[in-house]
N, C-alpha and C. Protein backbone atom coordinates (compact mmCIF):
# COMPACT_ATOMS: atom_id res chain seq x y z
N MET A 1 67.14 116.28 127.20
CA MET A 1 68.13 117.33 127.12
C MET A 1 68.92 117.43 128.43
N LYS A 2 68.23 117.16 129.57
CA LYS A 2 68.89 117.25 130.86
C LYS A 2 70.00 116.21 130.98
N LYS A 3 69.83 115.03 130.35
CA LYS A 3 70.84 113.98 130.42
C LYS A 3 71.99 114.23 129.46
N ILE A 4 71.75 114.87 128.36
CA ILE A 4 72.77 115.11 127.35
C ILE A 4 73.69 116.26 127.76
N LEU A 5 73.17 117.29 128.40
CA LEU A 5 73.97 118.45 128.78
C LEU A 5 75.14 118.09 129.68
N PRO A 6 74.99 117.27 130.74
CA PRO A 6 76.15 116.89 131.55
C PRO A 6 77.18 116.10 130.74
N LEU A 7 76.73 115.28 129.80
CA LEU A 7 77.65 114.52 128.96
C LEU A 7 78.47 115.45 128.09
N ILE A 8 77.84 116.44 127.50
CA ILE A 8 78.55 117.41 126.65
C ILE A 8 79.56 118.20 127.47
N ILE A 9 79.16 118.62 128.66
CA ILE A 9 80.07 119.37 129.53
C ILE A 9 81.26 118.51 129.93
N THR A 10 81.03 117.25 130.26
CA THR A 10 82.12 116.33 130.64
C THR A 10 83.08 116.14 129.48
N ILE A 11 82.58 115.93 128.29
CA ILE A 11 83.45 115.76 127.11
C ILE A 11 84.25 117.02 126.87
N PHE A 12 83.62 118.19 127.00
CA PHE A 12 84.33 119.45 126.80
C PHE A 12 85.45 119.62 127.83
N LEU A 13 85.17 119.32 129.09
CA LEU A 13 86.18 119.47 130.14
C LEU A 13 87.34 118.50 129.97
N VAL A 14 87.03 117.27 129.62
CA VAL A 14 88.09 116.26 129.42
C VAL A 14 88.96 116.65 128.22
N SER A 15 88.34 117.10 127.15
CA SER A 15 89.13 117.48 125.98
C SER A 15 89.98 118.71 126.27
N ALA A 16 89.50 119.61 127.11
CA ALA A 16 90.29 120.78 127.48
C ALA A 16 91.49 120.40 128.34
N CYS A 17 91.35 119.33 129.14
CA CYS A 17 92.44 118.90 130.00
C CYS A 17 93.59 118.27 129.22
N THR A 18 93.33 117.77 128.05
CA THR A 18 94.38 117.10 127.28
C THR A 18 95.14 118.05 126.39
N ASP A 19 94.82 119.33 126.43
CA ASP A 19 95.49 120.31 125.59
C ASP A 19 96.98 120.36 125.94
N GLY A 20 97.84 120.16 124.95
CA GLY A 20 99.28 120.21 125.17
C GLY A 20 99.88 118.87 125.58
N VAL A 21 99.06 117.86 125.78
CA VAL A 21 99.56 116.55 126.17
C VAL A 21 99.72 115.71 124.91
N ASP A 22 100.88 115.07 124.77
CA ASP A 22 101.14 114.22 123.61
C ASP A 22 100.51 112.86 123.85
N VAL A 23 99.39 112.60 123.18
CA VAL A 23 98.68 111.35 123.33
C VAL A 23 99.02 110.47 122.13
N LYS A 24 99.57 109.27 122.41
CA LYS A 24 99.94 108.35 121.35
C LYS A 24 98.94 107.20 121.31
N PRO A 25 98.46 106.87 120.10
CA PRO A 25 97.51 105.76 120.02
C PRO A 25 98.19 104.44 120.35
N VAL A 26 97.42 103.53 120.90
CA VAL A 26 97.94 102.20 121.23
C VAL A 26 97.69 101.29 120.04
N ASP A 27 98.73 100.59 119.59
CA ASP A 27 98.60 99.66 118.47
C ASP A 27 98.28 98.29 119.04
N SER A 28 97.04 97.86 118.86
CA SER A 28 96.59 96.59 119.44
C SER A 28 96.67 95.43 118.44
N ARG A 29 97.28 95.68 117.27
CA ARG A 29 97.40 94.61 116.29
C ARG A 29 98.43 93.57 116.75
N THR A 30 98.22 92.32 116.35
CA THR A 30 99.19 91.27 116.65
C THR A 30 100.39 91.42 115.72
N LYS A 31 101.45 90.69 116.02
CA LYS A 31 102.65 90.72 115.18
C LYS A 31 102.32 90.32 113.75
N ALA A 32 101.53 89.27 113.58
CA ALA A 32 101.16 88.81 112.24
C ALA A 32 100.34 89.85 111.50
N GLN A 33 99.41 90.54 112.22
CA GLN A 33 98.61 91.57 111.58
C GLN A 33 99.48 92.73 111.11
N LYS A 34 100.46 93.12 111.93
CA LYS A 34 101.36 94.21 111.55
C LYS A 34 102.16 93.84 110.32
N GLN A 35 102.65 92.58 110.28
CA GLN A 35 103.42 92.14 109.13
C GLN A 35 102.56 92.06 107.88
N THR A 36 101.33 91.60 108.04
CA THR A 36 100.43 91.53 106.90
C THR A 36 100.13 92.92 106.40
N ASP A 37 99.88 93.88 107.31
CA ASP A 37 99.62 95.25 106.90
C ASP A 37 100.83 95.85 106.18
N GLU A 38 102.02 95.52 106.65
CA GLU A 38 103.23 96.08 106.07
C GLU A 38 103.59 95.44 104.74
N HIS A 39 103.34 94.14 104.60
CA HIS A 39 103.82 93.41 103.43
C HIS A 39 102.72 92.90 102.52
N GLY A 40 101.48 93.19 102.83
CA GLY A 40 100.39 92.76 101.97
C GLY A 40 99.45 91.81 102.67
N SER A 41 98.22 91.82 102.24
CA SER A 41 97.23 90.95 102.86
C SER A 41 97.30 89.56 102.26
N LEU A 42 96.62 88.65 102.91
CA LEU A 42 96.64 87.26 102.45
C LEU A 42 96.15 87.12 101.02
N PHE A 43 95.02 87.77 100.68
CA PHE A 43 94.42 87.50 99.39
C PHE A 43 94.47 88.70 98.45
N GLY A 44 94.67 89.90 98.98
CA GLY A 44 94.78 91.07 98.13
C GLY A 44 96.23 91.34 97.83
N LEU A 45 96.47 92.24 96.90
CA LEU A 45 97.84 92.58 96.56
C LEU A 45 98.47 93.44 97.63
N GLY A 46 97.66 94.29 98.27
CA GLY A 46 98.19 95.12 99.35
C GLY A 46 99.42 95.87 98.91
N ASN A 47 100.39 96.00 99.83
CA ASN A 47 101.61 96.72 99.50
C ASN A 47 102.81 95.80 99.63
N ILE A 48 102.71 94.59 99.12
CA ILE A 48 103.78 93.61 99.29
C ILE A 48 105.08 94.04 98.63
N LEU A 49 104.97 94.90 97.64
CA LEU A 49 106.18 95.30 96.94
C LEU A 49 106.64 96.68 97.39
N GLY A 50 106.06 97.16 98.46
CA GLY A 50 106.52 98.41 99.05
C GLY A 50 105.63 99.57 98.69
N GLY A 51 105.29 100.35 99.70
CA GLY A 51 104.60 101.61 99.47
C GLY A 51 103.15 101.45 99.09
N LYS A 52 102.83 101.70 97.84
CA LYS A 52 101.46 101.77 97.39
C LYS A 52 100.95 100.43 96.88
N LYS A 53 99.64 100.38 96.69
CA LYS A 53 99.03 99.19 96.10
C LYS A 53 99.55 99.09 94.68
N THR A 54 99.95 97.89 94.28
CA THR A 54 100.60 97.77 92.99
C THR A 54 100.21 96.48 92.28
N ASP A 55 100.43 96.46 91.00
CA ASP A 55 100.22 95.27 90.18
C ASP A 55 101.47 94.40 90.29
N LEU A 56 101.29 93.09 90.28
CA LEU A 56 102.45 92.20 90.41
C LEU A 56 103.43 92.35 89.26
N LYS A 57 103.01 92.87 88.13
CA LYS A 57 103.92 93.02 87.00
C LYS A 57 104.84 94.23 87.17
N ASP A 58 104.41 95.22 87.95
CA ASP A 58 105.17 96.45 88.10
C ASP A 58 105.98 96.42 89.37
N ASN A 59 107.25 95.99 89.28
CA ASN A 59 108.08 95.99 90.47
C ASN A 59 109.53 96.15 90.07
N ASN A 60 110.31 96.63 90.99
CA ASN A 60 111.73 96.85 90.74
C ASN A 60 112.60 95.95 91.61
N ILE A 61 112.02 94.94 92.22
CA ILE A 61 112.80 94.06 93.06
C ILE A 61 113.36 92.92 92.21
N LYS A 62 114.37 92.26 92.72
CA LYS A 62 115.07 91.25 91.94
C LYS A 62 114.59 89.83 92.20
N ILE A 63 113.46 89.69 92.85
CA ILE A 63 112.87 88.37 93.05
C ILE A 63 111.56 88.33 92.29
N ASN A 64 111.10 87.13 92.01
CA ASN A 64 109.85 86.99 91.28
C ASN A 64 108.68 87.35 92.19
N ALA A 65 107.91 88.32 91.77
CA ALA A 65 106.80 88.82 92.59
C ALA A 65 105.72 87.77 92.79
N TYR A 66 105.49 86.92 91.80
CA TYR A 66 104.47 85.88 91.94
C TYR A 66 104.91 84.83 92.98
N LEU A 67 106.18 84.46 92.93
CA LEU A 67 106.69 83.51 93.93
C LEU A 67 106.64 84.12 95.32
N TRP A 68 107.03 85.39 95.43
CA TRP A 68 107.02 86.06 96.73
C TRP A 68 105.61 86.11 97.31
N ARG A 69 104.66 86.51 96.47
CA ARG A 69 103.27 86.59 96.92
C ARG A 69 102.76 85.21 97.34
N ALA A 70 103.15 84.18 96.56
CA ALA A 70 102.73 82.82 96.86
C ALA A 70 103.32 82.33 98.19
N VAL A 71 104.58 82.70 98.44
CA VAL A 71 105.21 82.35 99.72
C VAL A 71 104.43 83.00 100.86
N LEU A 72 104.12 84.28 100.72
CA LEU A 72 103.34 84.98 101.75
C LEU A 72 101.98 84.33 101.97
N ASP A 73 101.28 84.07 100.88
CA ASP A 73 99.94 83.48 100.99
C ASP A 73 99.99 82.10 101.63
N THR A 74 100.97 81.31 101.25
CA THR A 74 101.04 79.92 101.72
C THR A 74 101.49 79.82 103.17
N LEU A 75 102.50 80.60 103.54
CA LEU A 75 103.08 80.44 104.88
C LEU A 75 102.48 81.36 105.95
N SER A 76 101.74 82.37 105.56
CA SER A 76 101.23 83.30 106.56
C SER A 76 100.07 82.74 107.37
N VAL A 77 99.71 81.48 107.16
CA VAL A 77 98.74 80.84 108.05
C VAL A 77 99.39 80.58 109.41
N HIS A 78 100.72 80.62 109.46
CA HIS A 78 101.48 80.49 110.71
C HIS A 78 101.96 81.87 111.14
N PRO A 79 102.21 82.07 112.42
CA PRO A 79 102.80 83.34 112.84
C PRO A 79 104.16 83.53 112.16
N LEU A 80 104.39 84.74 111.67
CA LEU A 80 105.62 85.00 110.93
C LEU A 80 106.67 85.63 111.84
N GLU A 81 107.88 85.10 111.77
CA GLU A 81 108.97 85.60 112.58
C GLU A 81 109.84 86.60 111.83
N LYS A 82 110.06 86.33 110.55
CA LYS A 82 110.98 87.17 109.78
C LYS A 82 110.47 87.31 108.36
N ILE A 83 110.44 88.56 107.89
CA ILE A 83 110.07 88.85 106.51
C ILE A 83 111.08 89.87 105.98
N VAL A 84 111.78 89.51 104.91
CA VAL A 84 112.68 90.44 104.25
C VAL A 84 112.27 90.48 102.78
N THR A 85 111.42 91.44 102.45
CA THR A 85 110.83 91.51 101.12
C THR A 85 111.89 91.64 100.03
N GLU A 86 112.86 92.51 100.23
CA GLU A 86 113.87 92.78 99.21
C GLU A 86 114.69 91.55 98.86
N SER A 87 114.90 90.66 99.83
CA SER A 87 115.70 89.45 99.62
C SER A 87 114.84 88.22 99.40
N GLY A 88 113.55 88.35 99.53
CA GLY A 88 112.66 87.22 99.32
C GLY A 88 112.75 86.16 100.40
N ILE A 89 112.95 86.59 101.66
CA ILE A 89 113.10 85.65 102.77
C ILE A 89 111.89 85.75 103.69
N LEU A 90 111.33 84.59 104.03
CA LEU A 90 110.24 84.53 104.98
C LEU A 90 110.45 83.34 105.90
N GLN A 91 110.25 83.55 107.19
CA GLN A 91 110.42 82.47 108.16
C GLN A 91 109.29 82.54 109.16
N THR A 92 108.71 81.38 109.45
CA THR A 92 107.64 81.32 110.45
C THR A 92 108.25 81.13 111.83
N GLU A 93 107.42 81.33 112.84
CA GLU A 93 107.82 81.01 114.21
C GLU A 93 107.64 79.51 114.41
N TRP A 94 108.18 78.99 115.50
CA TRP A 94 107.95 77.59 115.85
C TRP A 94 106.47 77.44 116.18
N VAL A 95 105.84 76.41 115.61
CA VAL A 95 104.41 76.20 115.78
C VAL A 95 104.16 74.77 116.24
N SER A 96 103.32 74.62 117.28
CA SER A 96 102.88 73.30 117.75
C SER A 96 101.44 73.11 117.34
N MET A 97 101.12 71.91 116.94
CA MET A 97 99.73 71.59 116.64
C MET A 97 99.04 71.20 117.95
N ASP A 98 97.75 71.45 118.03
CA ASP A 98 97.00 71.16 119.26
C ASP A 98 97.08 69.70 119.67
N ASP A 99 97.08 68.81 118.67
CA ASP A 99 97.09 67.38 118.98
C ASP A 99 98.49 66.86 119.31
N SER A 100 99.51 67.69 119.16
CA SER A 100 100.88 67.26 119.42
C SER A 100 101.71 68.41 120.00
N PRO A 101 101.45 68.79 121.25
CA PRO A 101 102.14 69.95 121.84
C PRO A 101 103.63 69.74 122.11
N THR A 102 104.10 68.51 122.02
CA THR A 102 105.53 68.25 122.25
C THR A 102 106.33 68.25 120.95
N GLU A 103 105.68 68.58 119.83
CA GLU A 103 106.38 68.72 118.55
C GLU A 103 106.15 70.11 118.00
N GLN A 104 107.19 70.68 117.43
CA GLN A 104 107.08 72.00 116.82
C GLN A 104 107.69 71.97 115.43
N THR A 105 107.16 72.83 114.57
CA THR A 105 107.64 72.94 113.20
C THR A 105 107.89 74.41 112.88
N LYS A 106 108.92 74.65 112.09
CA LYS A 106 109.26 75.99 111.62
C LYS A 106 109.56 75.88 110.13
N ILE A 107 109.09 76.82 109.34
CA ILE A 107 109.28 76.78 107.89
C ILE A 107 109.96 78.07 107.44
N SER A 108 110.94 77.93 106.56
CA SER A 108 111.54 79.11 105.93
C SER A 108 111.50 78.93 104.43
N ALA A 109 111.34 80.03 103.73
CA ALA A 109 111.33 80.00 102.27
C ALA A 109 112.14 81.18 101.76
N VAL A 110 112.87 80.93 100.68
CA VAL A 110 113.68 81.98 100.05
C VAL A 110 113.37 81.97 98.57
N VAL A 111 112.98 83.12 98.04
CA VAL A 111 112.79 83.25 96.59
C VAL A 111 114.16 83.55 96.01
N LEU A 112 114.61 82.69 95.11
CA LEU A 112 115.99 82.74 94.62
C LEU A 112 116.16 83.42 93.27
N SER A 113 115.06 83.67 92.59
CA SER A 113 115.18 84.09 91.21
C SER A 113 114.12 85.11 90.84
N SER A 114 114.36 85.82 89.77
CA SER A 114 113.33 86.70 89.23
C SER A 114 112.45 85.95 88.24
N ASP A 115 112.81 84.70 87.95
CA ASP A 115 112.02 83.85 87.04
C ASP A 115 110.98 83.06 87.82
N LEU A 116 109.84 82.86 87.18
CA LEU A 116 108.81 82.00 87.76
C LEU A 116 109.12 80.58 87.33
N SER A 117 109.87 79.86 88.19
CA SER A 117 110.29 78.51 87.83
C SER A 117 110.36 77.65 89.09
N VAL A 118 110.44 76.34 88.88
CA VAL A 118 110.51 75.39 89.99
C VAL A 118 111.74 75.65 90.86
N THR A 119 112.83 76.09 90.25
CA THR A 119 114.06 76.35 91.00
C THR A 119 114.09 77.76 91.59
N GLY A 120 112.99 78.49 91.46
CA GLY A 120 112.95 79.87 91.92
C GLY A 120 112.69 80.05 93.41
N VAL A 121 112.36 78.97 94.10
CA VAL A 121 112.08 79.06 95.54
C VAL A 121 112.69 77.86 96.25
N ARG A 122 113.27 78.13 97.41
CA ARG A 122 113.82 77.04 98.24
C ARG A 122 113.08 77.06 99.58
N VAL A 123 112.62 75.88 99.98
CA VAL A 123 111.88 75.74 101.23
C VAL A 123 112.66 74.84 102.17
N ASN A 124 112.75 75.23 103.42
CA ASN A 124 113.33 74.39 104.47
C ASN A 124 112.29 74.23 105.57
N VAL A 125 112.18 73.02 106.06
CA VAL A 125 111.26 72.73 107.16
C VAL A 125 112.07 72.16 108.31
N TYR A 126 111.86 72.71 109.48
CA TYR A 126 112.57 72.27 110.68
C TYR A 126 111.55 71.69 111.65
N LYS A 127 111.93 70.64 112.30
CA LYS A 127 111.03 69.99 113.24
C LYS A 127 111.82 69.66 114.50
N ARG A 128 111.17 69.84 115.64
CA ARG A 128 111.81 69.46 116.90
C ARG A 128 110.77 68.84 117.82
N LYS A 129 111.28 68.00 118.71
CA LYS A 129 110.42 67.28 119.63
C LYS A 129 110.96 67.45 121.04
N LYS A 130 110.07 67.64 121.99
CA LYS A 130 110.48 67.81 123.38
C LYS A 130 110.70 66.44 124.01
N GLN A 131 111.94 66.21 124.45
CA GLN A 131 112.30 64.95 125.10
C GLN A 131 113.06 65.27 126.37
N ASN A 132 112.58 64.76 127.48
CA ASN A 132 113.20 65.01 128.79
C ASN A 132 113.35 66.51 129.07
N GLY A 133 112.35 67.30 128.67
CA GLY A 133 112.36 68.73 128.95
C GLY A 133 113.18 69.58 128.00
N GLU A 134 113.80 68.99 126.99
CA GLU A 134 114.61 69.76 126.04
C GLU A 134 114.15 69.49 124.62
N TRP A 135 114.29 70.50 123.77
CA TRP A 135 113.90 70.36 122.36
C TRP A 135 115.04 69.68 121.60
N VAL A 136 114.68 68.62 120.89
CA VAL A 136 115.64 67.85 120.10
C VAL A 136 115.22 67.92 118.64
N ASN A 137 116.15 68.30 117.75
CA ASN A 137 115.86 68.39 116.32
C ASN A 137 115.51 67.03 115.75
N GLN A 138 114.55 67.01 114.83
CA GLN A 138 114.08 65.79 114.19
C GLN A 138 114.30 65.91 112.67
N THR A 139 114.33 64.79 112.01
CA THR A 139 114.46 64.76 110.56
C THR A 139 113.09 65.02 109.93
N VAL A 140 113.09 65.83 108.88
CA VAL A 140 111.87 66.13 108.14
C VAL A 140 111.95 65.41 106.80
N SER A 141 110.87 64.77 106.42
CA SER A 141 110.88 64.02 105.16
C SER A 141 110.92 64.96 103.96
N ASN A 142 111.54 64.50 102.90
CA ASN A 142 111.59 65.27 101.65
C ASN A 142 110.18 65.48 101.11
N LYS A 143 109.30 64.53 101.38
CA LYS A 143 107.92 64.64 100.93
C LYS A 143 107.23 65.87 101.54
N THR A 144 107.49 66.14 102.80
CA THR A 144 106.92 67.32 103.47
C THR A 144 107.40 68.60 102.81
N VAL A 145 108.71 68.68 102.57
CA VAL A 145 109.29 69.87 101.93
C VAL A 145 108.71 70.03 100.52
N LYS A 146 108.60 68.93 99.79
CA LYS A 146 108.07 68.99 98.42
C LYS A 146 106.60 69.42 98.42
N THR A 147 105.83 68.95 99.37
CA THR A 147 104.42 69.32 99.45
C THR A 147 104.26 70.83 99.63
N ILE A 148 105.07 71.41 100.51
CA ILE A 148 105.00 72.85 100.75
C ILE A 148 105.50 73.61 99.53
N SER A 149 106.60 73.16 98.94
CA SER A 149 107.13 73.80 97.73
C SER A 149 106.10 73.77 96.60
N ASP A 150 105.46 72.63 96.42
CA ASP A 150 104.45 72.50 95.37
C ASP A 150 103.26 73.43 95.62
N ALA A 151 102.87 73.59 96.88
CA ALA A 151 101.76 74.49 97.21
C ALA A 151 102.13 75.94 96.86
N ILE A 152 103.36 76.32 97.13
CA ILE A 152 103.83 77.68 96.80
C ILE A 152 103.85 77.86 95.29
N LEU A 153 104.39 76.90 94.56
CA LEU A 153 104.45 77.01 93.10
C LEU A 153 103.06 77.04 92.47
N GLN A 154 102.15 76.24 93.01
CA GLN A 154 100.78 76.25 92.50
C GLN A 154 100.13 77.62 92.71
N ARG A 155 100.32 78.19 93.89
CA ARG A 155 99.76 79.52 94.17
C ARG A 155 100.38 80.57 93.26
N ALA A 156 101.69 80.48 93.00
CA ALA A 156 102.36 81.42 92.10
C ALA A 156 101.78 81.32 90.70
N ARG A 157 101.52 80.10 90.22
CA ARG A 157 100.89 79.91 88.90
C ARG A 157 99.51 80.56 88.86
N GLU A 158 98.73 80.37 89.93
CA GLU A 158 97.39 80.96 89.99
C GLU A 158 97.46 82.48 89.93
N LEU A 159 98.39 83.06 90.68
CA LEU A 159 98.55 84.52 90.68
C LEU A 159 98.95 85.02 89.30
N TYR A 160 99.85 84.30 88.66
CA TYR A 160 100.30 84.68 87.31
C TYR A 160 99.12 84.63 86.34
N GLN A 161 98.34 83.55 86.39
CA GLN A 161 97.20 83.41 85.50
C GLN A 161 96.15 84.49 85.75
N GLU A 162 95.88 84.80 87.01
CA GLU A 162 94.92 85.86 87.36
C GLU A 162 95.38 87.20 86.81
N ASP A 163 96.67 87.46 86.90
CA ASP A 163 97.23 88.74 86.49
C ASP A 163 97.31 88.87 84.97
N ASN A 164 97.32 87.76 84.25
CA ASN A 164 97.50 87.79 82.80
C ASN A 164 96.25 87.39 82.02
N LYS A 165 95.09 87.49 82.66
CA LYS A 165 93.84 87.24 81.95
C LYS A 165 93.60 88.38 80.98
N ASN A 166 93.13 88.03 79.82
CA ASN A 166 92.86 89.09 78.81
C ASN A 166 91.43 89.45 78.77
């Protein structure tokens, strides 16, 4: 009891000293965590369509919710630079792989349609390489773009099937 009493008195005095002081909590989340919290988690539905937790079928936006969710799930393994939910735009930051620090890649995806179709999403991949201290743009193969597009479409199909199980 002798050890607890000074602790209680200290807590009481410190709390009395903060009376009238506007104390703001510190947000220690990373940029990606904030975006995930705002736009939905990787594997849960979260609030990707705004506001409350919602079913992918119930939305008032003009892009396909399954494609949008698939874009988020597929590309959010990289730090996200830009997310515009209403327009279906997502862009990653420049990312270097550990084994190749002089090369960077950036991916952007745009959901173009309210239909779940192959033409409903457009993916662009940008690559640059550091040469003589400056970043120089490189050509990205169509195969790379197709691989990412296919991964997004596959994830969208999975989400659709999960949502429409009877």
